Structure formats: structure tokens, C-alpha cells
Amino acid sequence: MATLIKSDGTQEPYPEPKNGSNYSLEELQTAIGGYIQVVELPSGDLLVCDEEGKLKGRPVNWQATEITREVLSAYDVMVGDVLQIGPEQIK
């Protein structure tokens, strides 16, 4: 099940893929509002974020930043809304 982690600190379930198994590029771009960037977590889950979020001035997403702390540099942060999905939900 996918979870949308919003920059305001809230989380909500994200609708299942339209084809029932994996998200299309369009669905992922709609979820995060831009070009996608995928960050792999140690757990195997993936965080999908807006590749240009910092350039767009999106707010820092502290929850997503904490989740990615092990894979980001010490001074980097995640911004904007982020979609957490399983690796089987993307091709």
C-alpha cells in the first residue's frame, strides 16, 4: 500500500495503481507534482519525490527527511510531498 507523506507532516493512503499492480509515470508525477526522483530506502521501500522540488521552493518535508536520513548526506533534506511505495509498485 502506498502512503503520501505530505510536507505539512500528515500522511494519507494513496489510491492503488489504476492497472492494479504498478504505478504509471503519470500517476507518480500527479502524486508529487513534478518530475520524479526515486530514493531507495534500506528497507527496500522507495520514496518518490519531485526532482525539482528545491528549485520550485517546496517546503521541507521533515518526516521524509527523517526516513531517508541513512541514505541522504548529513545536510540534505527532502522537500514537498513524497510518495512511499513498495519496489513492486514501480517498473
Protein backbone atom coordinates (compact mmCIF):
# COMPACT_ATOMS: atom_id res chain seq x y z
CA MET A 1 0.00 0.00 0.00
CA ALA A 2 1.30 3.44 -0.93
CA THR A 3 1.43 6.34 1.50
CA LEU A 4 1.56 10.02 0.63
CA ILE A 5 3.80 11.80 3.14
CA LYS A 6 2.89 15.47 2.97
CA SER A 7 5.24 18.29 3.80
CA ASP A 8 2.79 19.50 6.47
CA GLY A 9 3.55 16.35 8.49
CA THR A 10 0.38 14.42 7.65
CA GLN A 11 0.21 11.05 5.96
CA GLU A 12 -2.60 9.52 3.96
CA PRO A 13 -3.10 6.33 1.98
CA TYR A 14 -2.62 6.83 -1.74
CA PRO A 15 -5.00 5.15 -4.21
CA GLU A 16 -3.88 1.86 -5.71
CA PRO A 17 -2.45 1.95 -9.25
CA LYS A 18 -5.06 2.16 -11.99
CA ASN A 19 -3.81 -1.08 -13.56
CA GLY A 20 -3.91 -2.84 -10.18
CA SER A 21 -0.21 -3.64 -9.91
CA ASN A 22 2.23 -0.78 -10.57
CA TYR A 23 2.06 2.99 -10.94
CA SER A 24 2.46 4.66 -14.32
CA LEU A 25 4.83 7.59 -14.71
CA GLU A 26 1.80 9.88 -15.00
CA GLU A 27 0.33 8.60 -11.71
CA LEU A 28 3.64 9.17 -9.90
CA GLN A 29 4.04 12.66 -11.35
CA THR A 30 0.49 13.54 -10.31
CA ALA A 31 1.16 12.34 -6.75
CA ILE A 32 4.23 14.51 -6.22
CA GLY A 33 3.57 17.36 -8.64
CA GLY A 34 6.55 17.17 -10.97
CA TYR A 35 9.35 15.12 -12.47
CA ILE A 36 10.03 12.07 -10.35
CA GLN A 37 13.15 11.11 -8.46
CA VAL A 38 13.26 7.77 -6.66
CA VAL A 39 15.18 7.22 -3.42
CA GLU A 40 15.69 3.64 -2.28
CA LEU A 41 15.44 3.07 1.46
CA PRO A 42 17.38 0.42 3.41
CA SER A 43 14.04 -1.37 3.99
CA GLY A 44 13.62 -1.82 0.22
CA ASP A 45 10.73 0.66 0.02
CA LEU A 46 11.01 3.58 -2.37
CA LEU A 47 10.32 7.27 -1.84
CA VAL A 48 9.18 9.11 -4.93
CA CYS A 49 9.77 12.86 -4.78
CA ASP A 50 9.79 15.88 -7.11
CA GLU A 51 13.22 16.06 -8.74
CA GLU A 52 12.94 19.85 -8.99
CA GLY A 53 11.25 20.42 -5.62
CA LYS A 54 14.07 22.52 -4.19
CA LEU A 55 14.22 24.68 -7.31
CA LYS A 56 10.46 25.22 -7.00
CA GLY A 57 10.82 26.31 -3.37
CA ARG A 58 8.79 23.42 -1.96
CA PRO A 59 8.72 23.28 1.87
CA VAL A 60 10.97 20.87 3.74
CA ASN A 61 9.31 17.53 4.43
CA TRP A 62 10.77 16.68 7.84
CA GLN A 63 9.13 13.24 8.05
CA ALA A 64 10.51 12.17 4.68
CA THR A 65 13.90 13.63 5.60
CA GLU A 66 14.00 11.54 8.77
CA ILE A 67 13.03 8.38 6.85
CA THR A 68 15.86 8.98 4.35
CA ARG A 69 18.50 10.05 6.88
CA GLU A 70 20.53 6.86 6.32
CA VAL A 71 20.80 7.46 2.56
CA LEU A 72 20.98 11.27 2.29
CA SER A 73 24.02 13.36 3.07
CA ALA A 74 24.01 14.93 6.53
CA TYR A 75 22.93 18.34 5.25
CA ASP A 76 20.38 17.28 2.63
CA VAL A 77 16.60 17.38 3.09
CA MET A 78 13.54 16.09 1.26
CA VAL A 79 11.05 18.70 0.11
CA GLY A 80 7.42 18.70 -0.96
CA ASP A 81 5.02 15.80 -0.83
CA VAL A 82 6.62 12.36 -1.12
CA LEU A 83 5.07 9.03 -2.07
CA GLN A 84 6.30 5.92 -0.24
CA ILE A 85 5.75 2.73 -2.26
CA GLY A 86 6.96 -0.82 -2.42
CA PRO A 87 9.51 -1.75 -5.09
CA GLU A 88 6.94 -3.96 -6.81
CA GLN A 89 4.71 -0.92 -7.42
CA ILE A 90 7.03 0.67 -9.99
CA LYS A 91 8.59 -0.55 -13.22
